[in-house]
């Protein structure tokens, strides 16, 4: 599955590609990867996906690629399908792609995807020291709900009609 935003393609990662990403061994047919991709905290979820026999086709991991050249500059993943309407996500960009609005754009694309597939709310968390990530979540309509263990937890309700989003 590919979700298109103004400047990005959110391309779902099948298990075989997840294995190649972890191994750092792209196939000639794979979209190009930024030299800093993948980042360290993405490797464990990618390893899990690489072993998956029948991963969820929607609530899975996505490469964030620029539409301009297809370069993979980061990742976004759901932590499983919605439970009681709630889904959780995480994301990250290579350092060279930060500060350009890509993360906010990717999160908004993921919110629209989640809403179209039954989610009614989304949760995310980030480190208290990560002001940039907190800005991304607020810009995407999330509200901080609590702090614990050095993390800030965020939530956002999803409207039934994604076209009404700000």
Protein backbone atom coordinates (compact mmCIF):
# COMPACT_ATOMS: atom_id res chain seq x y z
CA UNK A 1 0.00 0.00 0.00
CA UNK A 2 1.18 3.52 -0.76
CA UNK A 3 -0.21 6.65 0.88
CA UNK A 4 0.56 9.82 -1.06
CA UNK A 5 0.97 13.20 0.59
CA UNK A 6 2.11 16.43 -1.00
CA UNK A 7 5.83 15.60 -0.84
CA UNK A 8 5.98 12.03 0.46
CA UNK A 9 5.08 8.47 -0.32
CA UNK A 10 4.31 6.30 2.70
CA UNK A 11 5.07 2.86 1.25
CA UNK A 12 4.17 -0.22 3.28
CA UNK A 13 7.10 -2.49 3.95
CA UNK A 14 6.58 -6.18 3.13
CA UNK A 15 8.49 -8.74 5.24
CA UNK A 16 11.11 -9.44 2.55
CA UNK A 17 11.96 -5.75 2.25
CA UNK A 18 12.09 -5.44 6.04
CA UNK A 19 14.72 -8.20 6.03
CA UNK A 20 16.77 -6.41 3.38
CA UNK A 21 16.56 -3.13 5.30
CA UNK A 22 17.79 -4.80 8.49
CA UNK A 23 20.62 -6.49 6.56
CA UNK A 24 21.50 -3.22 4.81
CA UNK A 25 21.28 -5.07 1.51
CA UNK A 26 18.79 -3.48 -0.89
CA UNK A 27 17.79 -5.28 -4.07
CA UNK A 28 18.38 -3.43 -7.34
CA UNK A 29 14.59 -2.90 -7.64
CA UNK A 30 14.23 -1.30 -4.18
CA UNK A 31 13.72 2.44 -3.90
CA UNK A 32 17.00 4.14 -2.93
CA UNK A 33 17.76 4.64 0.76
CA UNK A 34 19.38 7.65 2.37
CA UNK A 35 22.81 6.63 3.78
CA UNK A 36 21.49 7.21 7.35
CA UNK A 37 18.46 4.95 6.81
CA UNK A 38 17.38 2.93 8.71
CA UNK A 39 17.95 4.49 12.11
CA UNK A 40 18.77 2.32 15.12
CA UNK A 41 15.41 2.35 16.92
CA UNK A 42 13.65 1.15 13.77
CA UNK A 43 15.66 -2.08 13.55
CA UNK A 44 13.80 -4.16 16.17
CA UNK A 45 10.34 -3.51 14.67
CA UNK A 46 11.78 -4.23 11.21
CA UNK A 47 13.20 -7.55 12.46
CA UNK A 48 9.77 -8.47 13.80
CA UNK A 49 8.14 -7.54 10.51
CA UNK A 50 10.75 -9.53 8.56
CA UNK A 51 9.65 -12.68 10.46
CA UNK A 52 5.92 -12.01 10.03
CA UNK A 53 3.97 -14.56 8.03
CA UNK A 54 0.80 -12.53 7.50
CA UNK A 55 1.32 -8.92 8.63
CA UNK A 56 -1.59 -6.52 8.81
CA UNK A 57 -1.81 -4.88 5.38
CA UNK A 58 -2.74 -1.45 6.77
CA UNK A 59 -1.48 -1.14 10.34
CA UNK A 60 2.12 -2.01 9.58
CA UNK A 61 5.41 -0.22 8.95
CA UNK A 62 5.97 2.27 6.15
CA UNK A 63 9.04 3.72 4.49
CA UNK A 64 8.84 7.49 4.15
CA UNK A 65 10.07 8.33 0.66
CA UNK A 66 10.31 11.68 -1.05
CA UNK A 67 8.04 11.94 -4.07
CA UNK A 68 10.75 13.88 -5.90
CA UNK A 69 13.20 10.98 -6.14
CA UNK A 70 11.78 8.07 -4.11
CA UNK A 71 14.59 8.29 -1.55
CA UNK A 72 13.74 6.56 1.76
CA UNK A 73 14.33 9.19 4.46
CA UNK A 74 12.59 7.59 7.42
CA UNK A 75 9.94 5.28 8.72
CA UNK A 76 6.52 5.29 10.32
CA UNK A 77 4.84 2.36 11.97
CA UNK A 78 1.65 1.39 13.69
CA UNK A 79 1.86 -0.79 16.78
CA UNK A 80 -0.85 -3.13 15.50
CA UNK A 81 -4.44 -2.65 14.39
CA UNK A 82 -6.92 -0.55 16.38
CA UNK A 83 -8.05 -1.87 19.76
CA UNK A 84 -11.38 -0.42 20.79
CA UNK A 85 -10.81 2.10 17.99
CA UNK A 86 -7.41 3.22 19.27
CA UNK A 87 -4.17 2.79 17.34
CA UNK A 88 -0.64 3.83 18.28
CA UNK A 89 2.08 5.05 15.95
CA UNK A 90 5.73 5.98 15.94
CA UNK A 91 7.93 7.67 13.34
CA UNK A 92 11.39 8.96 12.64
CA UNK A 93 13.44 10.70 9.99
CA UNK A 94 17.11 10.66 9.11
CA UNK A 95 18.86 13.76 10.46
CA UNK A 96 19.25 15.34 7.01
CA UNK A 97 15.46 15.31 6.49
CA UNK A 98 14.47 16.86 9.81
CA UNK A 99 13.14 20.38 10.20
CA UNK A 100 11.43 20.45 6.79
CA UNK A 101 7.91 19.45 7.81
CA UNK A 102 8.20 15.87 6.53
CA UNK A 103 7.37 14.27 9.87
CA UNK A 104 4.19 16.30 10.33
CA UNK A 105 3.17 15.54 6.75
CA UNK A 106 3.80 11.81 7.27
CA UNK A 107 1.87 11.72 10.55
CA UNK A 108 -1.10 13.50 8.94
CA UNK A 109 -1.05 10.97 6.09
CA UNK A 110 -1.00 8.13 8.61
CA UNK A 111 -3.92 9.69 10.52
CA UNK A 112 -6.03 9.81 7.36
CA UNK A 113 -5.14 6.19 6.59
CA UNK A 114 -6.02 5.08 10.12
CA UNK A 115 -9.35 6.90 10.03
CA UNK A 116 -10.28 5.31 6.68
CA UNK A 117 -9.63 1.88 8.20
CA UNK A 118 -11.60 2.06 11.42
CA UNK A 119 -9.43 3.89 13.93
CA UNK A 120 -11.21 6.51 16.01
CA UNK A 121 -8.21 7.75 17.98
CA UNK A 122 -4.43 7.68 17.76
CA UNK A 123 -1.78 7.70 20.48
CA UNK A 124 1.93 8.42 20.33
CA UNK A 125 4.70 9.21 22.77
CA UNK A 126 8.05 10.91 22.67
CA UNK A 127 10.89 11.70 25.03
CA UNK A 128 10.46 14.79 27.18
CA UNK A 129 13.69 16.15 25.72
CA UNK A 130 12.50 15.77 22.10
CA UNK A 131 10.89 19.18 21.53
CA UNK A 132 10.87 18.68 17.75
CA UNK A 133 8.79 15.50 17.98
CA UNK A 134 6.41 17.16 20.43
CA UNK A 135 6.01 20.00 17.91
CA UNK A 136 5.23 17.47 15.14
CA UNK A 137 2.52 15.82 17.21
CA UNK A 138 0.94 19.13 18.23
CA UNK A 139 1.03 20.34 14.60
CA UNK A 140 -0.81 17.13 13.63
CA UNK A 141 -3.55 17.85 16.17
CA UNK A 142 -2.38 15.75 19.11
CA UNK A 143 -2.70 16.87 22.72
CA UNK A 144 -0.31 15.92 25.51
CA UNK A 145 -2.20 13.75 27.98
CA UNK A 146 0.41 12.84 30.59
CA UNK A 147 4.09 12.55 31.44
CA UNK A 148 5.78 9.52 32.95
CA UNK A 149 9.20 7.90 32.91
CA UNK A 150 10.78 10.65 30.82
CA UNK A 151 8.08 10.40 28.13
CA UNK A 152 5.27 12.67 27.04
CA UNK A 153 2.14 10.80 25.92
CA UNK A 154 -0.11 12.28 23.24
CA UNK A 155 -3.55 11.42 21.89
CA UNK A 156 -5.82 12.60 19.14
CA UNK A 157 -9.42 11.77 18.23
CA UNK A 158 -10.05 11.14 14.55
CA UNK A 159 -13.05 12.74 12.87
CA UNK A 160 -15.23 10.46 10.81
CA UNK A 161 -14.61 12.57 7.71
CA UNK A 162 -10.87 13.11 7.09
CA UNK A 163 -11.58 15.98 4.68
CA UNK A 164 -12.67 18.10 7.66
CA UNK A 165 -9.18 18.01 9.21
CA UNK A 166 -7.12 21.15 9.66
